[in-house]
Each structure stands twice: as structure tokens, then as C-alpha cells.
Amino acid sequence: MARNTKLARENGLSDAFIAIAEDGTGDLLCLRIGDSAELLREVYVWLHETCECEQIYRDLGEMIRMQE
């Protein structure tokens, strides 16, 4: 996670996000860091081509259920 986050930040990922996984296409699954430095529940995808983050799941549980 630390490596992917560092590399993504060098390529435009906001400091408000931490990368938790790769999706195999260059995009990363991320969690957002809240105002009190806690990780928020929502799961985002960081699009490497546009350097934008979009929320794709309400939480990790929803992400796992959608993969079954």
C-alpha cells in the first residue's frame, strides 16, 4: 500500500487518499483520509489517465459482496 500510494502521489493522486489495491489496468482502489486522519469507509477508484478519484462503493463490505 505504501509503495502504490507513494507512486500514485508522484503521478497526481491527492494527499487525501491512500491506495489500497491495484485493479490491473493502472487504476488504484483507494480510501479517503478524513479531517482527523482517520480512513473513511467509502472506496474510490483513482483513474490513472485523468488523475481523478471517483467513489465506487459505500464501503469494503459492499465491494466484497459485488465481487461474489
PDB file of N, CA and C in Angstrom:
ATOM      1  N   MET A   1       0.812  -1.190   0.000  1.00  0.00           N
ATOM      2  CA  MET A   1       0.000   0.000   0.000  1.00  0.00           C
ATOM      3  C   MET A   1       0.860   1.259   0.000  1.00  0.00           C
ATOM      4  N   ALA A   2       1.883   1.261   0.825  1.00  0.00           N
ATOM      5  CA  ALA A   2       2.724   2.458   0.912  1.00  0.00           C
ATOM      6  C   ALA A   2       3.396   2.752  -0.423  1.00  0.00           C
ATOM      7  N   ARG A   3       3.899   1.716  -1.087  1.00  0.00           N
ATOM      8  CA  ARG A   3       4.576   1.893  -2.384  1.00  0.00           C
ATOM      9  C   ARG A   3       3.612   2.435  -3.428  1.00  0.00           C
ATOM     10  N   ASN A   4       2.430   1.805  -3.532  1.00  0.00           N
ATOM     11  CA  ASN A   4       1.450   2.252  -4.524  1.00  0.00           C
ATOM     12  C   ASN A   4       0.991   3.675  -4.246  1.00  0.00           C
ATOM     13  N   THR A   5       0.792   4.006  -2.979  1.00  0.00           N
ATOM     14  CA  THR A   5       0.367   5.360  -2.625  1.00  0.00           C
ATOM     15  C   THR A   5       1.444   6.365  -3.003  1.00  0.00           C
ATOM     16  N   LYS A   6       2.692   6.067  -2.671  1.00  0.00           N
ATOM     17  CA  LYS A   6       3.797   6.980  -2.995  1.00  0.00           C
ATOM     18  C   LYS A   6       3.909   7.193  -4.499  1.00  0.00           C
ATOM     19  N   LEU A   7       3.890   6.112  -5.263  1.00  0.00           N
ATOM     20  CA  LEU A   7       3.994   6.232  -6.721  1.00  0.00           C
ATOM     21  C   LEU A   7       2.819   7.000  -7.305  1.00  0.00           C
ATOM     22  N   ALA A   8       1.623   6.718  -6.811  1.00  0.00           N
ATOM     23  CA  ALA A   8       0.441   7.410  -7.327  1.00  0.00           C
ATOM     24  C   ALA A   8       0.481   8.892  -6.980  1.00  0.00           C
ATOM     25  N   ARG A   9       0.934   9.226  -5.789  1.00  0.00           N
ATOM     26  CA  ARG A   9       1.036  10.648  -5.411  1.00  0.00           C
ATOM     27  C   ARG A   9       2.042  11.371  -6.297  1.00  0.00           C
ATOM     28  N   GLU A  10       3.104  10.693  -6.683  1.00  0.00           N
ATOM     29  CA  GLU A  10       4.070  11.294  -7.610  1.00  0.00           C
ATOM     30  C   GLU A  10       3.442  11.530  -8.975  1.00  0.00           C
ATOM     31  N   ASN A  11       2.351  10.822  -9.258  1.00  0.00           N
ATOM     32  CA  ASN A  11       1.667  10.943 -10.547  1.00  0.00           C
ATOM     33  C   ASN A  11       0.302  11.603 -10.438  1.00  0.00           C
ATOM     34  N   GLY A  12       0.036  12.294  -9.329  1.00  0.00           N
ATOM     35  CA  GLY A  12      -1.170  13.104  -9.253  1.00  0.00           C
ATOM     36  C   GLY A  12      -2.230  12.702  -8.250  1.00  0.00           C
ATOM     37  N   LEU A  13      -2.056  11.596  -7.519  1.00  0.00           N
ATOM     38  CA  LEU A  13      -3.043  11.228  -6.507  1.00  0.00           C
ATOM     39  C   LEU A  13      -3.010  12.250  -5.382  1.00  0.00           C
ATOM     40  N   SER A  14      -4.166  12.726  -4.990  1.00  0.00           N
ATOM     41  CA  SER A  14      -4.274  13.697  -3.908  1.00  0.00           C
ATOM     42  C   SER A  14      -3.783  13.104  -2.593  1.00  0.00           C
ATOM     43  N   ASP A  15      -3.215  13.949  -1.735  1.00  0.00           N
ATOM     44  CA  ASP A  15      -2.787  13.520  -0.403  1.00  0.00           C
ATOM     45  C   ASP A  15      -3.969  13.092   0.461  1.00  0.00           C
ATOM     46  N   ALA A  16      -5.183  13.353   0.014  1.00  0.00           N
ATOM     47  CA  ALA A  16      -6.385  12.985   0.767  1.00  0.00           C
ATOM     48  C   ALA A  16      -6.747  11.513   0.599  1.00  0.00           C
ATOM     49  N   PHE A  17      -5.974  10.766  -0.208  1.00  0.00           N
ATOM     50  CA  PHE A  17      -6.290   9.362  -0.478  1.00  0.00           C
ATOM     51  C   PHE A  17      -5.089   8.473  -0.198  1.00  0.00           C
ATOM     52  N   ILE A  18      -5.386   7.210   0.131  1.00  0.00           N
ATOM     53  CA  ILE A  18      -4.364   6.180   0.282  1.00  0.00           C
ATOM     54  C   ILE A  18      -4.759   5.010  -0.609  1.00  0.00           C
ATOM     55  N   ALA A  19      -3.816   4.536  -1.392  1.00  0.00           N
ATOM     56  CA  ALA A  19      -4.077   3.423  -2.306  1.00  0.00           C
ATOM     57  C   ALA A  19      -4.079   2.115  -1.520  1.00  0.00           C
ATOM     58  N   ILE A  20      -5.114   1.284  -1.733  1.00  0.00           N
ATOM     59  CA  ILE A  20      -5.195   0.007  -1.013  1.00  0.00           C
ATOM     60  C   ILE A  20      -5.043  -1.194  -1.932  1.00  0.00           C
ATOM     61  N   ALA A  21      -5.206  -1.005  -3.239  1.00  0.00           N
ATOM     62  CA  ALA A  21      -5.095  -2.135  -4.170  1.00  0.00           C
ATOM     63  C   ALA A  21      -4.993  -1.623  -5.597  1.00  0.00           C
ATOM     64  N   GLU A  22      -4.431  -2.460  -6.463  1.00  0.00           N
ATOM     65  CA  GLU A  22      -4.393  -2.188  -7.899  1.00  0.00           C
ATOM     66  C   GLU A  22      -5.537  -2.940  -8.554  1.00  0.00           C
ATOM     67  N   ASP A  23      -6.022  -2.422  -9.673  1.00  0.00           N
ATOM     68  CA  ASP A  23      -7.093  -3.143 -10.374  1.00  0.00           C
ATOM     69  C   ASP A  23      -6.602  -3.854 -11.633  1.00  0.00           C
ATOM     70  N   GLY A  24      -5.306  -3.793 -11.904  1.00  0.00           N
ATOM     71  CA  GLY A  24      -4.752  -4.492 -13.056  1.00  0.00           C
ATOM     72  C   GLY A  24      -4.701  -3.668 -14.327  1.00  0.00           C
ATOM     73  N   THR A  25      -5.267  -2.464 -14.316  1.00  0.00           N
ATOM     74  CA  THR A  25      -5.267  -1.615 -15.505  1.00  0.00           C
ATOM     75  C   THR A  25      -4.469  -0.331 -15.306  1.00  0.00           C
ATOM     76  N   GLY A  26      -3.859  -0.180 -14.130  1.00  0.00           N
ATOM     77  CA  GLY A  26      -3.157   1.055 -13.809  1.00  0.00           C
ATOM     78  C   GLY A  26      -3.937   1.934 -12.860  1.00  0.00           C
ATOM     79  N   ASP A  27      -5.224   1.662 -12.710  1.00  0.00           N
ATOM     80  CA  ASP A  27      -6.051   2.398 -11.762  1.00  0.00           C
ATOM     81  C   ASP A  27      -5.881   1.772 -10.381  1.00  0.00           C
ATOM     82  N   LEU A  28      -6.172   2.546  -9.342  1.00  0.00           N
ATOM     83  CA  LEU A  28      -5.994   2.075  -7.969  1.00  0.00           C
ATOM     84  C   LEU A  28      -7.285   2.219  -7.181  1.00  0.00           C
ATOM     85  N   LEU A  29      -7.536   1.264  -6.300  1.00  0.00           N
ATOM     86  CA  LEU A  29      -8.622   1.394  -5.338  1.00  0.00           C
ATOM     87  C   LEU A  29      -8.062   2.150  -4.147  1.00  0.00           C
ATOM     88  N   CYS A  30      -8.828   3.108  -3.651  1.00  0.00           N
ATOM     89  CA  CYS A  30      -8.331   3.996  -2.600  1.00  0.00           C
ATOM     90  C   CYS A  30      -9.369   4.208  -1.512  1.00  0.00           C
ATOM     91  N   LEU A  31      -8.865   4.577  -0.337  1.00  0.00           N
ATOM     92  CA  LEU A  31      -9.696   5.078   0.743  1.00  0.00           C
ATOM     93  C   LEU A  31      -9.309   6.527   0.958  1.00  0.00           C
ATOM     94  N   ARG A  32     -10.288   7.326   1.393  1.00  0.00           N
ATOM     95  CA  ARG A  32     -10.030   8.744   1.638  1.00  0.00           C
ATOM     96  C   ARG A  32      -9.660   8.947   3.098  1.00  0.00           C
ATOM     97  N   ILE A  33      -8.762   9.861   3.342  1.00  0.00           N
ATOM     98  CA  ILE A  33      -8.336  10.209   4.693  1.00  0.00           C
ATOM     99  C   ILE A  33      -9.204  11.370   5.161  1.00  0.00           C
ATOM    100  N   GLY A  34      -9.852  11.197   6.319  1.00  0.00           N
ATOM    101  CA  GLY A  34     -10.738  12.226   6.855  1.00  0.00           C
ATOM    102  C   GLY A  34      -9.978  13.360   7.527  1.00  0.00           C
ATOM    103  N   ASP A  35     -10.729  14.348   8.001  1.00  0.00           N
ATOM    104  CA  ASP A  35     -10.140  15.527   8.639  1.00  0.00           C
ATOM    105  C   ASP A  35      -9.334  15.193   9.890  1.00  0.00           C
ATOM    106  N   SER A  36      -9.710  14.115  10.584  1.00  0.00           N
ATOM    107  CA  SER A  36      -8.997  13.716  11.805  1.00  0.00           C
ATOM    108  C   SER A  36      -7.979  12.616  11.527  1.00  0.00           C
ATOM    109  N   ALA A  37      -7.567  12.475  10.282  1.00  0.00           N
ATOM    110  CA  ALA A  37      -6.572  11.499   9.825  1.00  0.00           C
ATOM    111  C   ALA A  37      -7.067  10.057   9.882  1.00  0.00           C
ATOM    112  N   GLU A  38      -8.389   9.860  10.044  1.00  0.00           N
ATOM    113  CA  GLU A  38      -8.942   8.505  10.011  1.00  0.00           C
ATOM    114  C   GLU A  38      -9.297   8.137   8.579  1.00  0.00           C
ATOM    115  N   LEU A  39      -9.274   6.832   8.275  1.00  0.00           N
ATOM    116  CA  LEU A  39      -9.688   6.376   6.954  1.00  0.00           C
ATOM    117  C   LEU A  39     -11.204   6.304   6.918  1.00  0.00           C
ATOM    118  N   LEU A  40     -11.786   6.897   5.908  1.00  0.00           N
ATOM    119  CA  LEU A  40     -13.238   6.879   5.760  1.00  0.00           C
ATOM    120  C   LEU A  40     -13.670   5.584   5.097  1.00  0.00           C
ATOM    121  N   ARG A  41     -14.943   5.259   5.185  1.00  0.00           N
ATOM    122  CA  ARG A  41     -15.468   3.966   4.739  1.00  0.00           C
ATOM    123  C   ARG A  41     -15.540   3.807   3.225  1.00  0.00           C
ATOM    124  N   GLU A  42     -15.836   4.875   2.513  1.00  0.00           N
ATOM    125  CA  GLU A  42     -16.091   4.787   1.084  1.00  0.00           C
ATOM    126  C   GLU A  42     -14.849   4.340   0.313  1.00  0.00           C
ATOM    127  N   VAL A  43     -15.074   3.549  -0.731  1.00  0.00           N
ATOM    128  CA  VAL A  43     -13.987   3.072  -1.590  1.00  0.00           C
ATOM    129  C   VAL A  43     -14.040   3.857  -2.901  1.00  0.00           C
ATOM    130  N   TYR A  44     -12.894   4.347  -3.321  1.00  0.00           N
ATOM    131  CA  TYR A  44     -12.771   5.143  -4.535  1.00  0.00           C
ATOM    132  C   TYR A  44     -11.877   4.426  -5.535  1.00  0.00           C
ATOM    133  N   VAL A  45     -12.016   4.786  -6.791  1.00  0.00           N
ATOM    134  CA  VAL A  45     -11.062   4.357  -7.801  1.00  0.00           C
ATOM    135  C   VAL A  45     -10.325   5.613  -8.264  1.00  0.00           C
ATOM    136  N   TRP A  46      -8.991   5.522  -8.315  1.00  0.00           N
ATOM    137  CA  TRP A  46      -8.164   6.593  -8.866  1.00  0.00           C
ATOM    138  C   TRP A  46      -7.867   6.217 -10.305  1.00  0.00           C
ATOM    139  N   LEU A  47      -8.323   7.055 -11.206  1.00  0.00           N
ATOM    140  CA  LEU A  47      -8.158   6.820 -12.638  1.00  0.00           C
ATOM    141  C   LEU A  47      -6.815   7.404 -13.077  1.00  0.00           C
ATOM    142  N   HIS A  48      -5.887   6.526 -13.432  1.00  0.00           N
ATOM    143  CA  HIS A  48      -4.526   6.981 -13.723  1.00  0.00           C
ATOM    144  C   HIS A  48      -4.437   7.879 -14.948  1.00  0.00           C
ATOM    145  N   GLU A  49      -5.374   7.753 -15.866  1.00  0.00           N
ATOM    146  CA  GLU A  49      -5.303   8.572 -17.085  1.00  0.00           C
ATOM    147  C   GLU A  49      -5.748  10.010 -16.840  1.00  0.00           C
ATOM    148  N   THR A  50      -6.662  10.207 -15.876  1.00  0.00           N
ATOM    149  CA  THR A  50      -7.178  11.550 -15.607  1.00  0.00           C
ATOM    150  C   THR A  50      -6.767  12.081 -14.240  1.00  0.00           C
ATOM    151  N   CYS A  51      -6.166  11.224 -13.405  1.00  0.00           N
ATOM    152  CA  CYS A  51      -5.768  11.574 -12.033  1.00  0.00           C
ATOM    153  C   CYS A  51      -6.960  12.010 -11.183  1.00  0.00           C
ATOM    154  N   GLU A  52      -8.121  11.449 -11.463  1.00  0.00           N
ATOM    155  CA  GLU A  52      -9.323  11.762 -10.693  1.00  0.00           C
ATOM    156  C   GLU A  52      -9.727  10.563  -9.856  1.00  0.00           C
ATOM    157  N   CYS A  53     -10.338  10.841  -8.707  1.00  0.00           N
ATOM    158  CA  CYS A  53     -10.885   9.789  -7.847  1.00  0.00           C
ATOM    159  C   CYS A  53     -12.403   9.853  -7.906  1.00  0.00           C
ATOM    160  N   GLU A  54     -13.017   8.683  -8.046  1.00  0.00           N
ATOM    161  CA  GLU A  54     -14.474   8.580  -8.072  1.00  0.00           C
ATOM    162  C   GLU A  54     -14.898   7.528  -7.064  1.00  0.00           C
ATOM    163  N   GLN A  55     -15.927   7.845  -6.268  1.00  0.00           N
ATOM    164  CA  GLN A  55     -16.432   6.858  -5.318  1.00  0.00           C
ATOM    165  C   GLN A  55     -17.142   5.753  -6.089  1.00  0.00           C
ATOM    166  N   ILE A  56     -16.805   4.489  -5.761  1.00  0.00           N
ATOM    167  CA  ILE A  56     -17.432   3.372  -6.461  1.00  0.00           C
ATOM    168  C   ILE A  56     -18.170   2.417  -5.530  1.00  0.00           C
ATOM    169  N   TYR A  57     -17.849   2.444  -4.233  1.00  0.00           N
ATOM    170  CA  TYR A  57     -18.535   1.599  -3.254  1.00  0.00           C
ATOM    171  C   TYR A  57     -18.753   2.394  -1.972  1.00  0.00           C
ATOM    172  N   ARG A  58     -19.818   2.035  -1.241  1.00  0.00           N
ATOM    173  CA  ARG A  58     -20.081   2.689   0.048  1.00  0.00           C
ATOM    174  C   ARG A  58     -19.062   2.286   1.100  1.00  0.00           C
ATOM    175  N   ASP A  59     -18.570   1.037   1.012  1.00  0.00           N
ATOM    176  CA  ASP A  59     -17.598   0.537   1.985  1.00  0.00           C
ATOM    177  C   ASP A  59     -16.963  -0.743   1.450  1.00  0.00           C
ATOM    178  N   LEU A  60     -15.999  -1.282   2.183  1.00  0.00           N
ATOM    179  CA  LEU A  60     -15.308  -2.500   1.742  1.00  0.00           C
ATOM    180  C   LEU A  60     -16.251  -3.692   1.675  1.00  0.00           C
ATOM    181  N   GLY A  61     -17.232  -3.757   2.585  1.00  0.00           N
ATOM    182  CA  GLY A  61     -18.199  -4.850   2.561  1.00  0.00           C
ATOM    183  C   GLY A  61     -18.970  -4.890   1.257  1.00  0.00           C
ATOM    184  N   GLU A  62     -19.420  -3.736   0.783  1.00  0.00           N
ATOM    185  CA  GLU A  62     -20.135  -3.678  -0.489  1.00  0.00           C
ATOM    186  C   GLU A  62     -19.218  -4.106  -1.633  1.00  0.00           C
ATOM    187  N   MET A  63     -17.962  -3.682  -1.600  1.00  0.00           N
ATOM    188  CA  MET A  63     -17.023  -4.056  -2.652  1.00  0.00           C
ATOM    189  C   MET A  63     -16.853  -5.575  -2.702  1.00  0.00           C
ATOM    190  N   ILE A  64     -16.702  -6.198  -1.544  1.00  0.00           N
ATOM    191  CA  ILE A  64     -16.530  -7.653  -1.489  1.00  0.00           C
ATOM    192  C   ILE A  64     -17.784  -8.364  -1.976  1.00  0.00           C
ATOM    193  N   ARG A  65     -18.958  -7.910  -1.544  1.00  0.00           N
ATOM    194  CA  ARG A  65     -20.215  -8.539  -1.984  1.00  0.00           C
ATOM    195  C   ARG A  65     -20.390  -8.439  -3.490  1.00  0.00           C
ATOM    196  N   MET A  66     -19.978  -7.344  -4.086  1.00  0.00           N
ATOM    197  CA  MET A  66     -20.139  -7.151  -5.529  1.00  0.00           C
ATOM    198  C   MET A  66     -19.207  -8.070  -6.325  1.00  0.00           C
ATOM    199  N   GLN A  67     -18.146  -8.563  -5.707  1.00  0.00           N
ATOM    200  CA  GLN A  67     -17.193  -9.431  -6.392  1.00  0.00           C
ATOM    201  C   GLN A  67     -17.586 -10.905  -6.335  1.00  0.00           C
ATOM    202  N   GLU A  68     -18.593 -11.237  -5.524  1.00  0.00           N
ATOM    203  CA  GLU A  68     -19.003 -12.645  -5.378  1.00  0.00           C
ATOM    204  C   GLU A  68     -19.822 -13.108  -6.554  1.00  0.00           C
TER     205      GLU A  68
END
